[in-house]
Structures are given as structure tokens and as C-alpha cells.
Amino acid sequence: MPKRPYDMPPLAALSCFEAAARQQSFKTAAQELNVTPAAVSHRIKALEFELGVPLFRRHHRGVELTESGAWLLLAVQRGFETISEALSHLRAGPDSPDVTVRASTAVSSLWLTPRLAAFWKVHPDVTVAQMVSDAAVADQRCDLSIEYGPLDSSEDCRLLFQGRIQAVGSPHFAEEKGITALEDLMRGPLIHLNEEETGWTGWRDWFAALGLSLPRGRGYSVNNYVVALQAAQDGMGAVLGWTELVQDHIASGRLVPLVDEEIASPSDFYIRVHPHASDKAMLLCDWLASEAEGA
């Protein structure tokens, strides 16, 4: 019988071992691989016989890895990850981007795009594609996604910023309405972002955090933050501004803080790293996180 290349057991046996070791269960591994638990047990016994070492300690309610099994699991997973990355590259084709990052319209235009331009100057060999979407459902086709909400410590997520939320408007609007204090702001027209779709803080919550009720009066509603900012620049009313997102508008004088009062954002802007993210995706993730930290 010809000798197998690389002096390795059959890949089917290694795949069976990896699933059982990862799941810590022959039964669960069998369900994942669509085989019987007896088949899993048989393949692992054959693998242990070939290697001459026990890989699992069998218990009544499950199994646990021996020291040899833990060492083998680490090596097998590294090998499978390398194969998976190569296959993903082949499936994607030569023209596919190295990294795909998903963000909302607001985050993309106000924060991410300028930083991607700077990143590309430092790392011209890394191609990046943006998926711009305001849909609430996460898209698993991306490597990284920038999200707004409570930071999920159970997942691989990196905090970008929390920021503060202030009332901003155009200089002409502030002068025309004579807004110098919170009482003046409550009489002016407000631009409302549809927070039910975006999950972002609205005027009701902002005033409530300051111990006030939402004033009644003229207003303008929109479900796109970039449009809301443009409406504010056009003098239609006051809008809530996250400091990190509107800092360029403030610096240029297109928008100005209307009152001194502001609140801390109740949620975080953070990067979620998806399971298939490559080393180049992690390079971009670390770079964006450092940019946010240094801002």
C-alpha cells in the first residue's frame, strides 16, 4: 500500500477529531458531521491507535481532551484555518477586496471614509471595500462592521468611541432664533432622526437626560442622519450631534453648538470582527481603533 503524503492520518479522521474536540462531545460532533456517534467513536479510536496516544478521556456525560489531544487540536485548527483562508481567496477571485467593512451611511461618510483614505496611504497594498447600509440586520459577508449599541464583550469587538451628544445648528439658525440657553432651544424647531430604525438617541431621550420633557412645536423628521445634518446646515432646525461624527462640521463652522448642555452617549460605536476576518482585516481593525483612541 503506498504511503500517504505528509505522513498524516486521513483528513476525515482529523476533521472528526476536530469537531469532537471543539464540541467536547462525540454526539454533538456526529450531528455536525451528519454521521452516527458510533462512526465518530470508531474514527477517533482508529486515530488514537495510529498515533499511539489517547486523545480523549471518556466520561459518562461527555469527553475531555488529554494533553496530547489539546496539542493536536491546536495544530489541526491552525492547519484548517490556513486551508480555509486559501479557499476563500480562490473563491473570491483576484479582483476581490482584501477587506470588506460594513457601516451605516452616517458613520461611513462622517467618520470611516476619511480614515480609510488615510489608511490606504499608509497601506497601499491592502484593498478595502465598504458596504454602506442602514439596515439593522448584520451582514455576515463583511470582515468588519461598525455598529452602535452596548459594547458586546462576549464577541470580538473593539470600542471606537462613546462620545457626547450636543444640540447643534447652523450659525444663521442660532442667530435668527436667538438661541443662547436651553429655554431658547426648546422653542425652536427640532430635526428628529427616526430612532426606531437607527437605534440612535432622539430628542425625547436627550431632554429626559437633562430632566426635561420633549417640547411641543414645529419639527422635521428624517431616517437618515446625513440628511438630518444637511437640513441643520440649511437652517431648518436644531439636530443632535455626536461629537466624533460632527467634529469636522464644527471645525469648519458649518454647524455650531447651540447650548452648553450635553449628555454622554448611552451606547458605543464599536467594530465587530467577524469570524472569517483575515490578517489584513485585523490590520485595518487595529488601525481604526488606534485612530479613534488618538482622536
C-alpha atoms as a PDB file:
ATOM      1  CA  MET A   1       0.000   0.000   0.000  1.00  0.00           C
ATOM      2  CA  PRO A   2       1.502   3.397  -0.990  1.00  0.00           C
ATOM      3  CA  LYS A   3       2.454   5.712   1.847  1.00  0.00           C
ATOM      4  CA  ARG A   4       0.219   8.730   2.398  1.00  0.00           C
ATOM      5  CA  PRO A   5       1.823  12.102   1.645  1.00  0.00           C
ATOM      6  CA  TYR A   6       2.814  14.391   4.532  1.00  0.00           C
ATOM      7  CA  ASP A   7       2.779  11.406   6.934  1.00  0.00           C
ATOM      8  CA  MET A   8      -0.750  12.350   8.027  1.00  0.00           C
ATOM      9  CA  PRO A   9      -3.839  10.345   9.001  1.00  0.00           C
ATOM     10  CA  PRO A  10      -6.859  10.644   6.681  1.00  0.00           C
ATOM     11  CA  LEU A  11      -8.358  14.153   6.651  1.00  0.00           C
ATOM     12  CA  ALA A  12     -11.754  12.638   7.504  1.00  0.00           C
ATOM     13  CA  ALA A  13     -10.327  11.353  10.786  1.00  0.00           C
ATOM     14  CA  LEU A  14      -8.740  14.726  11.607  1.00  0.00           C
ATOM     15  CA  SER A  15     -11.983  16.539  10.759  1.00  0.00           C
ATOM     16  CA  CYS A  16     -13.893  14.148  13.015  1.00  0.00           C
ATOM     17  CA  PHE A  17     -11.375  14.684  15.827  1.00  0.00           C
ATOM     18  CA  GLU A  18     -11.526  18.494  15.455  1.00  0.00           C
ATOM     19  CA  ALA A  19     -15.322  18.553  15.676  1.00  0.00           C
ATOM     20  CA  ALA A  20     -15.409  16.228  18.707  1.00  0.00           C
ATOM     21  CA  ALA A  21     -12.649  18.165  20.471  1.00  0.00           C
ATOM     22  CA  ARG A  22     -14.263  21.530  19.757  1.00  0.00           C
ATOM     23  CA  GLN A  23     -17.707  20.350  20.865  1.00  0.00           C
ATOM     24  CA  GLN A  24     -16.378  18.215  23.755  1.00  0.00           C
ATOM     25  CA  SER A  25     -18.951  15.649  22.664  1.00  0.00           C
ATOM     26  CA  PHE A  26     -18.992  12.729  20.229  1.00  0.00           C
ATOM     27  CA  LYS A  27     -22.782  13.049  19.901  1.00  0.00           C
ATOM     28  CA  THR A  28     -22.743  16.751  19.023  1.00  0.00           C
ATOM     29  CA  ALA A  29     -19.848  16.204  16.613  1.00  0.00           C
ATOM     30  CA  ALA A  30     -21.826  13.443  14.919  1.00  0.00           C
ATOM     31  CA  GLN A  31     -24.774  15.812  14.420  1.00  0.00           C
ATOM     32  CA  GLU A  32     -22.458  18.458  12.961  1.00  0.00           C
ATOM     33  CA  LEU A  33     -20.830  15.975  10.569  1.00  0.00           C
ATOM     34  CA  ASN A  34     -24.111  14.210   9.740  1.00  0.00           C
ATOM     35  CA  VAL A  35     -22.839  10.798  10.816  1.00  0.00           C
ATOM     36  CA  THR A  36     -23.643   8.494  13.736  1.00  0.00           C
ATOM     37  CA  PRO A  37     -21.951   8.814  17.137  1.00  0.00           C
ATOM     38  CA  ALA A  38     -20.643   5.290  16.595  1.00  0.00           C
ATOM     39  CA  ALA A  39     -18.889   6.440  13.422  1.00  0.00           C
ATOM     40  CA  VAL A  40     -17.261   9.321  15.303  1.00  0.00           C
ATOM     41  CA  SER A  41     -16.123   6.984  18.067  1.00  0.00           C
ATOM     42  CA  HIS A  42     -14.745   4.479  15.558  1.00  0.00           C
ATOM     43  CA  ARG A  43     -12.737   7.104  13.638  1.00  0.00           C
ATOM     44  CA  ILE A  44     -11.263   8.585  16.800  1.00  0.00           C
ATOM     45  CA  LYS A  45     -10.300   5.149  18.155  1.00  0.00           C
ATOM     46  CA  ALA A  46      -8.575   4.419  14.850  1.00  0.00           C
ATOM     47  CA  LEU A  47      -6.765   7.780  15.048  1.00  0.00           C
ATOM     48  CA  GLU A  48      -5.652   7.087  18.628  1.00  0.00           C
ATOM     49  CA  PHE A  49      -4.420   3.621  17.590  1.00  0.00           C
ATOM     50  CA  GLU A  50      -2.413   5.078  14.696  1.00  0.00           C
ATOM     51  CA  LEU A  51      -0.854   7.813  16.855  1.00  0.00           C
ATOM     52  CA  GLY A  52      -0.292   5.517  19.831  1.00  0.00           C
ATOM     53  CA  VAL A  53      -1.663   8.015  22.373  1.00  0.00           C
ATOM     54  CA  PRO A  54      -5.097   8.643  23.905  1.00  0.00           C
ATOM     55  CA  LEU A  55      -6.681  11.888  22.696  1.00  0.00           C
ATOM     56  CA  PHE A  56      -9.766  11.911  24.945  1.00  0.00           C
ATOM     57  CA  ARG A  57     -10.755  10.903  28.434  1.00  0.00           C
ATOM     58  CA  ARG A  58     -14.171   9.279  28.186  1.00  0.00           C
ATOM     59  CA  HIS A  59     -16.725  10.096  30.891  1.00  0.00           C
ATOM     60  CA  HIS A  60     -20.353   9.130  31.348  1.00  0.00           C
ATOM     61  CA  ARG A  61     -21.600  12.592  30.344  1.00  0.00           C
ATOM     62  CA  GLY A  62     -19.025  13.505  27.765  1.00  0.00           C
ATOM     63  CA  VAL A  63     -15.355  13.622  26.904  1.00  0.00           C
ATOM     64  CA  GLU A  64     -12.398  15.865  27.602  1.00  0.00           C
ATOM     65  CA  LEU A  65      -9.094  16.267  25.836  1.00  0.00           C
ATOM     66  CA  THR A  66      -5.885  14.760  27.128  1.00  0.00           C
ATOM     67  CA  GLU A  67      -2.721  16.846  26.955  1.00  0.00           C
ATOM     68  CA  SER A  68      -1.861  15.153  23.656  1.00  0.00           C
ATOM     69  CA  GLY A  69      -5.372  15.813  22.356  1.00  0.00           C
ATOM     70  CA  ALA A  70      -5.188  19.522  23.243  1.00  0.00           C
ATOM     71  CA  TRP A  71      -1.841  19.835  21.459  1.00  0.00           C
ATOM     72  CA  LEU A  72      -3.198  18.088  18.360  1.00  0.00           C
ATOM     73  CA  LEU A  73      -6.365  20.227  18.349  1.00  0.00           C
ATOM     74  CA  LEU A  74      -4.310  23.416  18.236  1.00  0.00           C
ATOM     75  CA  ALA A  75      -2.237  22.119  15.300  1.00  0.00           C
ATOM     76  CA  VAL A  76      -5.270  20.830  13.382  1.00  0.00           C
ATOM     77  CA  GLN A  77      -7.235  24.064  13.805  1.00  0.00           C
ATOM     78  CA  ARG A  78      -4.278  26.127  12.614  1.00  0.00           C
ATOM     79  CA  GLY A  79      -3.995  23.927   9.552  1.00  0.00           C
ATOM     80  CA  PHE A  80      -7.714  24.081   8.804  1.00  0.00           C
ATOM     81  CA  GLU A  81      -7.701  27.872   9.199  1.00  0.00           C
ATOM     82  CA  THR A  82      -4.876  28.161   6.673  1.00  0.00           C
ATOM     83  CA  ILE A  83      -6.726  25.925   4.212  1.00  0.00           C
ATOM     84  CA  SER A  84      -9.957  27.860   4.754  1.00  0.00           C
ATOM     85  CA  GLU A  85      -8.259  31.187   4.113  1.00  0.00           C
ATOM     86  CA  ALA A  86      -6.708  29.862   0.883  1.00  0.00           C
ATOM     87  CA  LEU A  87     -10.056  28.506  -0.313  1.00  0.00           C
ATOM     88  CA  SER A  88     -11.794  31.799   0.463  1.00  0.00           C
ATOM     89  CA  HIS A  89      -9.175  33.633  -1.569  1.00  0.00           C
ATOM     90  CA  LEU A  90      -9.643  31.277  -4.518  1.00  0.00           C
ATOM     91  CA  ARG A  91     -13.428  31.553  -4.379  1.00  0.00           C
ATOM     92  CA  ALA A  92     -13.270  35.331  -4.185  1.00  0.00           C
ATOM     93  CA  GLY A  93     -11.103  35.742  -7.268  1.00  0.00           C
ATOM     94  CA  PRO A  94      -8.138  38.054  -7.907  1.00  0.00           C
ATOM     95  CA  ASP A  95     -10.212  41.238  -8.138  1.00  0.00           C
ATOM     96  CA  SER A  96     -11.942  40.848  -4.766  1.00  0.00           C
ATOM     97  CA  PRO A  97     -11.000  43.272  -1.985  1.00  0.00           C
ATOM     98  CA  ASP A  98      -8.790  42.137   0.859  1.00  0.00           C
ATOM     99  CA  VAL A  99     -11.128  43.589   3.480  1.00  0.00           C
ATOM    100  CA  THR A 100     -14.827  44.406   3.446  1.00  0.00           C
ATOM    101  CA  VAL A 101     -16.131  46.722   6.172  1.00  0.00           C
ATOM    102  CA  ARG A 102     -19.790  47.496   6.769  1.00  0.00           C
ATOM    103  CA  ALA A 103     -21.063  50.764   8.253  1.00  0.00           C
ATOM    104  CA  SER A 104     -24.139  52.953   8.273  1.00  0.00           C
ATOM    105  CA  THR A 105     -24.430  55.899   5.915  1.00  0.00           C
ATOM    106  CA  ALA A 106     -23.649  58.326   8.730  1.00  0.00           C
ATOM    107  CA  VAL A 107     -20.615  56.518  10.094  1.00  0.00           C
ATOM    108  CA  SER A 108     -19.299  55.841   6.594  1.00  0.00           C
ATOM    109  CA  SER A 109     -19.493  59.414   5.347  1.00  0.00           C
ATOM    110  CA  LEU A 110     -18.683  61.251   8.586  1.00  0.00           C
ATOM    111  CA  TRP A 111     -16.038  59.045  10.211  1.00  0.00           C
ATOM    112  CA  LEU A 112     -14.936  55.967   8.294  1.00  0.00           C
ATOM    113  CA  THR A 113     -14.273  57.183   4.737  1.00  0.00           C
ATOM    114  CA  PRO A 114     -11.756  59.913   5.684  1.00  0.00           C
ATOM    115  CA  ARG A 115      -9.845  57.383   7.780  1.00  0.00           C
ATOM    116  CA  LEU A 116      -9.871  54.767   5.045  1.00  0.00           C
ATOM    117  CA  ALA A 117      -8.286  57.326   2.756  1.00  0.00           C
ATOM    118  CA  ALA A 118      -5.511  57.854   5.304  1.00  0.00           C
ATOM    119  CA  PHE A 119      -5.146  54.093   5.851  1.00  0.00           C
ATOM    120  CA  TRP A 120      -4.692  53.489   2.131  1.00  0.00           C
ATOM    121  CA  LYS A 121      -1.820  55.975   2.011  1.00  0.00           C
ATOM    122  CA  VAL A 122      -0.004  54.001   4.702  1.00  0.00           C
ATOM    123  CA  HIS A 123      -1.021  50.540   3.432  1.00  0.00           C
ATOM    124  CA  PRO A 124      -1.478  50.865  -0.355  1.00  0.00           C
ATOM    125  CA  ASP A 125      -1.263  47.083  -0.807  1.00  0.00           C
ATOM    126  CA  VAL A 126      -4.486  46.450   1.175  1.00  0.00           C
ATOM    127  CA  THR A 127      -7.659  46.852  -0.866  1.00  0.00           C
ATOM    128  CA  VAL A 128     -10.751  47.798   1.139  1.00  0.00           C
ATOM    129  CA  ALA A 129     -14.420  47.771   0.147  1.00  0.00           C
ATOM    130  CA  GLN A 130     -17.233  49.438   2.066  1.00  0.00           C
ATOM    131  CA  MET A 131     -20.732  48.042   2.448  1.00  0.00           C
ATOM    132  CA  VAL A 132     -22.900  51.055   3.303  1.00  0.00           C
ATOM    133  CA  SER A 133     -26.227  50.049   4.794  1.00  0.00           C
ATOM    134  CA  ASP A 134     -28.618  51.376   7.430  1.00  0.00           C
ATOM    135  CA  ALA A 135     -30.375  48.025   7.834  1.00  0.00           C
ATOM    136  CA  ALA A 136     -30.450  46.727  11.383  1.00  0.00           C
ATOM    137  CA  VAL A 137     -29.645  43.116  10.382  1.00  0.00           C
ATOM    138  CA  ALA A 138     -25.941  42.287  10.392  1.00  0.00           C
ATOM    139  CA  ASP A 139     -24.474  41.155   7.071  1.00  0.00           C
ATOM    140  CA  GLN A 140     -22.082  38.238   7.501  1.00  0.00           C
ATOM    141  CA  ARG A 141     -20.423  38.846   4.119  1.00  0.00           C
ATOM    142  CA  CYS A 142     -18.217  41.536   5.659  1.00  0.00           C
ATOM    143  CA  ASP A 143     -14.998  41.099   7.606  1.00  0.00           C
ATOM    144  CA  LEU A 144     -15.591  44.064   9.923  1.00  0.00           C
ATOM    145  CA  SER A 145     -18.696  46.039  10.806  1.00  0.00           C
ATOM    146  CA  ILE A 146     -19.017  49.286  12.717  1.00  0.00           C
ATOM    147  CA  GLU A 147     -22.055  49.163  14.975  1.00  0.00           C
ATOM    148  CA  TYR A 148     -23.844  51.346  17.516  1.00  0.00           C
ATOM    149  CA  GLY A 149     -25.144  49.905  20.746  1.00  0.00           C
ATOM    150  CA  PRO A 150     -23.925  48.444  24.040  1.00  0.00           C
ATOM    151  CA  LEU A 151     -20.435  47.014  23.507  1.00  0.00           C
ATOM    152  CA  ASP A 152     -20.735  43.220  23.244  1.00  0.00           C
ATOM    153  CA  SER A 153     -17.949  41.859  25.448  1.00  0.00           C
ATOM    154  CA  SER A 154     -18.828  38.251  24.573  1.00  0.00           C
ATOM    155  CA  GLU A 155     -17.834  38.787  20.927  1.00  0.00           C
ATOM    156  CA  ASP A 156     -14.628  40.028  19.294  1.00  0.00           C
ATOM    157  CA  CYS A 157     -15.490  43.735  19.384  1.00  0.00           C
ATOM    158  CA  ARG A 158     -13.270  46.798  19.726  1.00  0.00           C
ATOM    159  CA  LEU A 159     -14.507  50.071  21.182  1.00  0.00           C
ATOM    160  CA  LEU A 160     -14.107  53.066  18.887  1.00  0.00           C
ATOM    161  CA  PHE A 161     -15.753  55.831  20.882  1.00  0.00           C
ATOM    162  CA  GLN A 162     -18.749  56.624  23.020  1.00  0.00           C
ATOM    163  CA  GLY A 163     -18.793  60.374  22.676  1.00  0.00           C
ATOM    164  CA  ARG A 164     -21.162  63.039  23.857  1.00  0.00           C
ATOM    165  CA  ILE A 165     -24.363  64.303  22.289  1.00  0.00           C
ATOM    166  CA  GLN A 166     -24.990  68.023  21.927  1.00  0.00           C
ATOM    167  CA  ALA A 167     -27.538  70.212  20.184  1.00  0.00           C
ATOM    168  CA  VAL A 168     -26.094  71.781  17.048  1.00  0.00           C
ATOM    169  CA  GLY A 169     -27.375  74.019  14.262  1.00  0.00           C
ATOM    170  CA  SER A 170     -26.200  76.472  11.660  1.00  0.00           C
ATOM    171  CA  PRO A 171     -24.747  79.817  12.809  1.00  0.00           C
ATOM    172  CA  HIS A 172     -27.571  81.597  10.956  1.00  0.00           C
ATOM    173  CA  PHE A 173     -30.187  79.482  12.730  1.00  0.00           C
ATOM    174  CA  ALA A 174     -28.648  80.201  16.147  1.00  0.00           C
ATOM    175  CA  GLU A 175     -28.593  83.925  15.461  1.00  0.00           C
ATOM    176  CA  GLU A 176     -32.037  84.088  13.861  1.00  0.00           C
ATOM    177  CA  LYS A 177     -33.712  82.193  16.716  1.00  0.00           C
ATOM    178  CA  GLY A 178     -31.633  83.887  19.398  1.00  0.00           C
ATOM    179  CA  ILE A 179     -30.590  80.567  20.920  1.00  0.00           C
ATOM    180  CA  THR A 180     -28.198  81.073  23.811  1.00  0.00           C
ATOM    181  CA  ALA A 181     -29.780  78.867  26.511  1.00  0.00           C
ATOM    182  CA  LEU A 182     -31.731  75.648  26.842  1.00  0.00           C
ATOM    183  CA  GLU A 183     -35.030  77.549  27.147  1.00  0.00           C
ATOM    184  CA  ASP A 184     -34.416  79.133  23.727  1.00  0.00           C
ATOM    185  CA  LEU A 185     -33.681  75.732  22.190  1.00  0.00           C
ATOM    186  CA  MET A 186     -36.973  74.326  23.453  1.00  0.00           C
ATOM    187  CA  ARG A 187     -38.858  76.972  21.463  1.00  0.00           C
ATOM    188  CA  GLY A 188     -37.024  76.353  18.191  1.00  0.00           C
ATOM    189  CA  PRO A 189     -37.823  73.765  15.520  1.00  0.00           C
ATOM    190  CA  LEU A 190     -36.110  70.416  16.036  1.00  0.00           C
ATOM    191  CA  ILE A 191     -34.886  67.951  13.430  1.00  0.00           C
ATOM    192  CA  HIS A 192     -35.848  64.442  14.511  1.00  0.00           C
ATOM    193  CA  LEU A 193     -33.984  61.316  13.490  1.00  0.00           C
ATOM    194  CA  ASN A 194     -36.196  58.240  13.332  1.00  0.00           C
ATOM    195  CA  GLU A 195     -34.506  56.431  16.205  1.00  0.00           C
ATOM    196  CA  GLU A 196     -36.824  53.425  15.915  1.00  0.00           C
ATOM    197  CA  GLU A 197     -34.944  52.434  12.755  1.00  0.00           C
ATOM    198  CA  THR A 198     -31.461  53.598  13.708  1.00  0.00           C
ATOM    199  CA  GLY A 199     -31.415  52.917  17.449  1.00  0.00           C
ATOM    200  CA  TRP A 200     -29.782  56.313  17.958  1.00  0.00           C
ATOM    201  CA  THR A 201     -30.693  58.708  20.759  1.00  0.00           C
ATOM    202  CA  GLY A 202     -33.572  61.041  19.956  1.00  0.00           C
ATOM    203  CA  TRP A 203     -34.622  64.409  21.298  1.00  0.00           C
ATOM    204  CA  ARG A 204     -37.035  62.850  23.821  1.00  0.00           C
ATOM    205  CA  ASP A 205     -34.225  60.892  25.489  1.00  0.00           C
ATOM    206  CA  TRP A 206     -31.830  63.823  25.255  1.00  0.00           C
ATOM    207  CA  PHE A 207     -34.195  66.195  27.051  1.00  0.00           C
ATOM    208  CA  ALA A 208     -35.156  63.485  29.564  1.00  0.00           C
ATOM    209  CA  ALA A 209     -31.472  63.041  30.482  1.00  0.00           C
ATOM    210  CA  LEU A 210     -31.452  66.747  31.304  1.00  0.00           C
ATOM    211  CA  GLY A 211     -34.604  66.429  33.415  1.00  0.00           C
ATOM    212  CA  LEU A 212     -36.934  67.999  30.832  1.00  0.00           C
ATOM    213  CA  SER A 213     -39.853  66.879  28.716  1.00  0.00           C
ATOM    214  CA  LEU A 214     -39.822  66.923  24.942  1.00  0.00           C
ATOM    215  CA  PRO A 215     -41.117  70.347  23.863  1.00  0.00           C
ATOM    216  CA  ARG A 216     -44.050  70.579  21.506  1.00  0.00           C
ATOM    217  CA  GLY A 217     -43.545  72.598  18.391  1.00  0.00           C
ATOM    218  CA  ARG A 218     -42.569  72.539  14.758  1.00  0.00           C
ATOM    219  CA  GLY A 219     -40.229  69.772  13.674  1.00  0.00           C
ATOM    220  CA  TYR A 220     -38.807  67.887  10.748  1.00  0.00           C
ATOM    221  CA  SER A 221     -38.348  64.099  10.732  1.00  0.00           C
ATOM    222  CA  VAL A 222     -35.943  62.027   8.675  1.00  0.00           C
ATOM    223  CA  ASN A 223     -34.496  58.499   8.907  1.00  0.00           C
ATOM    224  CA  ASN A 224     -31.033  59.354   7.575  1.00  0.00           C
ATOM    225  CA  TYR A 225     -28.520  61.130   9.775  1.00  0.00           C
ATOM    226  CA  VAL A 226     -26.540  62.663   6.908  1.00  0.00           C
ATOM    227  CA  VAL A 227     -29.759  64.222   5.567  1.00  0.00           C
ATOM    228  CA  ALA A 228     -30.560  65.448   9.087  1.00  0.00           C
ATOM    229  CA  LEU A 229     -27.187  67.206   9.284  1.00  0.00           C
ATOM    230  CA  GLN A 230     -27.687  68.769   5.882  1.00  0.00           C
ATOM    231  CA  ALA A 231     -31.107  70.034   6.971  1.00  0.00           C
ATOM    232  CA  ALA A 232     -29.471  71.600  10.032  1.00  0.00           C
ATOM    233  CA  GLN A 233     -26.841  73.283   7.859  1.00  0.00           C
ATOM    234  CA  ASP A 234     -29.676  74.677   5.728  1.00  0.00           C
ATOM    235  CA  GLY A 235     -31.191  76.309   8.829  1.00  0.00           C
ATOM    236  CA  MET A 236     -34.238  74.045   9.146  1.00  0.00           C
ATOM    237  CA  GLY A 237     -33.701  73.453  12.864  1.00  0.00           C
ATOM    238  CA  ALA A 238     -31.517  72.018  15.599  1.00  0.00           C
ATOM    239  CA  VAL A 239     -30.156  68.484  15.381  1.00  0.00           C
ATOM    240  CA  LEU A 240     -28.425  66.195  17.841  1.00  0.00           C
ATOM    241  CA  GLY A 241     -24.724  65.816  17.118  1.00  0.00           C
ATOM    242  CA  TRP A 242     -22.392  63.044  18.290  1.00  0.00           C
ATOM    243  CA  THR A 243     -19.093  64.838  18.943  1.00  0.00           C
ATOM    244  CA  GLU A 244     -16.925  62.417  16.927  1.00  0.00           C
ATOM    245  CA  LEU A 245     -19.309  62.479  13.962  1.00  0.00           C
ATOM    246  CA  VAL A 246     -19.848  66.232  13.690  1.00  0.00           C
ATOM    247  CA  GLN A 247     -16.376  67.430  14.659  1.00  0.00           C
ATOM    248  CA  ASP A 248     -15.498  68.411  11.060  1.00  0.00           C
ATOM    249  CA  HIS A 249     -18.766  70.340  10.735  1.00  0.00           C
ATOM    250  CA  ILE A 250     -17.984  72.193  13.967  1.00  0.00           C
ATOM    251  CA  ALA A 251     -14.363  72.863  12.984  1.00  0.00           C
ATOM    252  CA  SER A 252     -15.438  74.296   9.616  1.00  0.00           C
ATOM    253  CA  GLY A 253     -18.158  76.469  11.167  1.00  0.00           C
ATOM    254  CA  ARG A 254     -20.952  74.814   9.194  1.00  0.00           C
ATOM    255  CA  LEU A 255     -22.552  73.850  12.499  1.00  0.00           C
ATOM    256  CA  VAL A 256     -22.145  75.300  15.975  1.00  0.00           C
ATOM    257  CA  PRO A 257     -23.103  74.040  19.459  1.00  0.00           C
ATOM    258  CA  LEU A 258     -26.327  75.823  20.366  1.00  0.00           C
ATOM    259  CA  VAL A 259     -26.262  75.399  24.159  1.00  0.00           C
ATOM    260  CA  ASP A 260     -23.744  74.346  26.783  1.00  0.00           C
ATOM    261  CA  GLU A 261     -25.762  71.323  27.930  1.00  0.00           C
ATOM    262  CA  GLU A 262     -24.804  67.925  26.528  1.00  0.00           C
ATOM    263  CA  ILE A 263     -25.140  64.282  27.560  1.00  0.00           C
ATOM    264  CA  ALA A 264     -22.951  61.190  27.331  1.00  0.00           C
ATOM    265  CA  SER A 265     -23.991  58.843  24.557  1.00  0.00           C
ATOM    266  CA  PRO A 266     -25.828  55.889  26.145  1.00  0.00           C
ATOM    267  CA  SER A 267     -24.296  53.474  23.618  1.00  0.00           C
ATOM    268  CA  ASP A 268     -20.958  52.828  21.968  1.00  0.00           C
ATOM    269  CA  PHE A 269     -19.639  52.944  18.439  1.00  0.00           C
ATOM    270  CA  TYR A 270     -17.531  49.810  18.051  1.00  0.00           C
ATOM    271  CA  ILE A 271     -16.010  47.451  15.476  1.00  0.00           C
ATOM    272  CA  ARG A 272     -17.248  43.886  15.318  1.00  0.00           C
ATOM    273  CA  VAL A 273     -14.706  41.431  13.933  1.00  0.00           C
ATOM    274  CA  HIS A 274     -16.428  38.628  12.025  1.00  0.00           C
ATOM    275  CA  PRO A 275     -15.101  35.056  12.348  1.00  0.00           C
ATOM    276  CA  HIS A 276     -13.541  34.831   8.880  1.00  0.00           C
ATOM    277  CA  ALA A 277     -11.605  38.121   9.169  1.00  0.00           C
ATOM    278  CA  SER A 278      -8.106  37.849   7.709  1.00  0.00           C
ATOM    279  CA  ASP A 279      -4.823  39.271   8.983  1.00  0.00           C
ATOM    280  CA  LYS A 280      -5.335  42.265   6.680  1.00  0.00           C
ATOM    281  CA  ALA A 281      -8.777  42.822   8.185  1.00  0.00           C
ATOM    282  CA  MET A 282      -7.228  42.767  11.658  1.00  0.00           C
ATOM    283  CA  LEU A 283      -4.616  45.271  10.471  1.00  0.00           C
ATOM    284  CA  LEU A 284      -7.390  47.655   9.454  1.00  0.00           C
ATOM    285  CA  CYS A 285      -9.314  46.987  12.674  1.00  0.00           C
ATOM    286  CA  ASP A 286      -6.297  47.808  14.839  1.00  0.00           C
ATOM    287  CA  TRP A 287      -5.572  50.899  12.755  1.00  0.00           C
ATOM    288  CA  LEU A 288      -9.124  52.246  13.089  1.00  0.00           C
ATOM    289  CA  ALA A 289      -9.162  51.556  16.815  1.00  0.00           C
ATOM    290  CA  SER A 290      -5.879  53.451  17.253  1.00  0.00           C
ATOM    291  CA  GLU A 291      -7.261  56.335  15.176  1.00  0.00           C
ATOM    292  CA  ALA A 292     -10.305  56.557  17.428  1.00  0.00           C
ATOM    293  CA  GLU A 293      -8.157  56.353  20.553  1.00  0.00           C
ATOM    294  CA  GLY A 294      -5.892  59.134  19.345  1.00  0.00           C
ATOM    295  CA  ALA A 295      -8.717  61.457  18.267  1.00  0.00           C
END
